[in-house]
Amino acid sequence: MTPVLLASALILLFTLGYGALCASSPFGNCRKCRGFGYQLTTDRRGRLKPGKTCRRCHGDRKRIRVGRHLFNLAARIHRDGTH
């Protein structure tokens, strides 16, 4: 198997795998708060406590994946063009 064929097969496999992930689970945890909905802070004794609400996800704890966002964008453009 040539290196070019192997690289294209790996890229195709990765793309299909990510597409399947976006189809089965379109939302992932927020990268900034790691799915907590707020930043963890510590008090003076060192105990963890919830801090401010996450500015990126606004406390929803989830974000839409990039692949799903691109799919939604393409579907919206197609829908607007056919009506």
C-alpha atoms as a PDB file:
ATOM      1  CA  MET A   1       0.000   0.000   0.000  1.00  0.00           C
ATOM      2  CA  THR A   2       1.483   3.303  -1.044  1.00  0.00           C
ATOM      3  CA  PRO A   3       1.807   6.120   1.505  1.00  0.00           C
ATOM      4  CA  VAL A   4      -0.560   8.360  -0.477  1.00  0.00           C
ATOM      5  CA  LEU A   5      -3.255   5.680  -0.551  1.00  0.00           C
ATOM      6  CA  LEU A   6      -2.763   4.980   3.142  1.00  0.00           C
ATOM      7  CA  ALA A   7      -3.002   8.684   4.028  1.00  0.00           C
ATOM      8  CA  SER A   8      -6.169   9.144   1.970  1.00  0.00           C
ATOM      9  CA  ALA A   9      -7.721   6.045   3.552  1.00  0.00           C
ATOM     10  CA  LEU A  10      -6.931   7.355   7.056  1.00  0.00           C
ATOM     11  CA  ILE A  11      -8.375  10.779   6.232  1.00  0.00           C
ATOM     12  CA  LEU A  12     -11.528   9.148   4.864  1.00  0.00           C
ATOM     13  CA  LEU A  13     -11.828   6.921   7.942  1.00  0.00           C
ATOM     14  CA  PHE A  14     -11.363   9.887  10.289  1.00  0.00           C
ATOM     15  CA  THR A  15     -13.941  11.978   8.381  1.00  0.00           C
ATOM     16  CA  LEU A  16     -16.540   9.208   8.399  1.00  0.00           C
ATOM     17  CA  GLY A  17     -15.931   8.556  12.096  1.00  0.00           C
ATOM     18  CA  TYR A  18     -16.342  12.231  12.999  1.00  0.00           C
ATOM     19  CA  GLY A  19     -19.466  12.434  10.822  1.00  0.00           C
ATOM     20  CA  ALA A  20     -20.942   9.461  12.678  1.00  0.00           C
ATOM     21  CA  LEU A  21     -20.064  11.087  16.013  1.00  0.00           C
ATOM     22  CA  CYS A  22     -21.746  14.356  14.984  1.00  0.00           C
ATOM     23  CA  ALA A  23     -24.846  12.471  13.815  1.00  0.00           C
ATOM     24  CA  SER A  24     -25.156  10.380  16.973  1.00  0.00           C
ATOM     25  CA  SER A  25     -24.150  13.056  19.497  1.00  0.00           C
ATOM     26  CA  PRO A  26     -24.426  16.584  18.046  1.00  0.00           C
ATOM     27  CA  PHE A  27     -23.602  18.320  21.350  1.00  0.00           C
ATOM     28  CA  GLY A  28     -20.396  17.997  23.341  1.00  0.00           C
ATOM     29  CA  ASN A  29     -19.260  19.355  26.687  1.00  0.00           C
ATOM     30  CA  CYS A  30     -18.226  22.988  26.825  1.00  0.00           C
ATOM     31  CA  ARG A  31     -14.455  23.208  26.476  1.00  0.00           C
ATOM     32  CA  LYS A  32     -14.055  26.164  28.795  1.00  0.00           C
ATOM     33  CA  CYS A  33     -15.940  24.851  31.850  1.00  0.00           C
ATOM     34  CA  ARG A  34     -15.569  21.126  30.920  1.00  0.00           C
ATOM     35  CA  GLY A  35     -19.331  20.616  31.191  1.00  0.00           C
ATOM     36  CA  PHE A  36     -19.803  22.040  34.712  1.00  0.00           C
ATOM     37  CA  GLY A  37     -21.592  25.229  33.624  1.00  0.00           C
ATOM     38  CA  TYR A  38     -19.392  27.407  35.833  1.00  0.00           C
ATOM     39  CA  GLN A  39     -15.740  27.927  36.637  1.00  0.00           C
ATOM     40  CA  LEU A  40     -14.606  26.146  39.778  1.00  0.00           C
ATOM     41  CA  THR A  41     -13.035  28.414  42.368  1.00  0.00           C
ATOM     42  CA  THR A  42     -11.631  27.764  45.800  1.00  0.00           C
ATOM     43  CA  ASP A  43     -12.375  29.457  49.068  1.00  0.00           C
ATOM     44  CA  ARG A  44      -9.645  30.480  51.515  1.00  0.00           C
ATOM     45  CA  ARG A  45      -9.473  26.983  52.961  1.00  0.00           C
ATOM     46  CA  GLY A  46      -8.869  25.455  49.528  1.00  0.00           C
ATOM     47  CA  ARG A  47     -12.282  23.816  49.130  1.00  0.00           C
ATOM     48  CA  LEU A  48     -13.824  23.846  45.667  1.00  0.00           C
ATOM     49  CA  LYS A  49     -16.964  25.852  45.141  1.00  0.00           C
ATOM     50  CA  PRO A  50     -18.905  26.987  42.080  1.00  0.00           C
ATOM     51  CA  GLY A  51     -17.846  30.329  40.723  1.00  0.00           C
ATOM     52  CA  LYS A  52     -19.301  32.518  38.004  1.00  0.00           C
ATOM     53  CA  THR A  53     -21.497  31.096  35.265  1.00  0.00           C
ATOM     54  CA  CYS A  54     -19.501  30.134  32.189  1.00  0.00           C
ATOM     55  CA  ARG A  55     -19.463  32.930  29.616  1.00  0.00           C
ATOM     56  CA  ARG A  56     -19.040  30.596  26.654  1.00  0.00           C
ATOM     57  CA  CYS A  57     -21.984  28.233  27.256  1.00  0.00           C
ATOM     58  CA  HIS A  58     -23.999  30.530  29.599  1.00  0.00           C
ATOM     59  CA  GLY A  59     -24.392  27.666  32.067  1.00  0.00           C
ATOM     60  CA  ASP A  60     -25.951  25.285  29.502  1.00  0.00           C
ATOM     61  CA  ARG A  61     -22.915  22.990  29.864  1.00  0.00           C
ATOM     62  CA  LYS A  62     -23.111  21.871  26.221  1.00  0.00           C
ATOM     63  CA  ARG A  63     -21.875  23.207  22.894  1.00  0.00           C
ATOM     64  CA  ILE A  64     -22.671  22.239  19.327  1.00  0.00           C
ATOM     65  CA  ARG A  65     -19.898  20.349  17.561  1.00  0.00           C
ATOM     66  CA  VAL A  66     -18.156  21.997  14.596  1.00  0.00           C
ATOM     67  CA  GLY A  67     -19.200  19.241  12.189  1.00  0.00           C
ATOM     68  CA  ARG A  68     -22.828  19.490  13.240  1.00  0.00           C
ATOM     69  CA  HIS A  69     -22.707  23.279  12.896  1.00  0.00           C
ATOM     70  CA  LEU A  70     -21.369  22.925   9.335  1.00  0.00           C
ATOM     71  CA  PHE A  71     -24.070  20.357   8.523  1.00  0.00           C
ATOM     72  CA  ASN A  72     -26.784  22.660   9.881  1.00  0.00           C
ATOM     73  CA  LEU A  73     -25.356  25.554   7.864  1.00  0.00           C
ATOM     74  CA  ALA A  74     -25.319  23.500   4.646  1.00  0.00           C
ATOM     75  CA  ALA A  75     -28.870  22.263   5.280  1.00  0.00           C
ATOM     76  CA  ARG A  76     -30.068  25.817   5.899  1.00  0.00           C
ATOM     77  CA  ILE A  77     -28.449  27.079   2.669  1.00  0.00           C
ATOM     78  CA  HIS A  78     -29.985  24.195   0.729  1.00  0.00           C
ATOM     79  CA  ARG A  79     -33.408  24.782   2.280  1.00  0.00           C
ATOM     80  CA  ASP A  80     -33.292  28.519   1.545  1.00  0.00           C
ATOM     81  CA  GLY A  81     -32.200  27.882  -2.049  1.00  0.00           C
ATOM     82  CA  THR A  82     -34.940  25.389  -2.853  1.00  0.00           C
ATOM     83  CA  HIS A  83     -37.871  27.438  -1.508  1.00  0.00           C
END
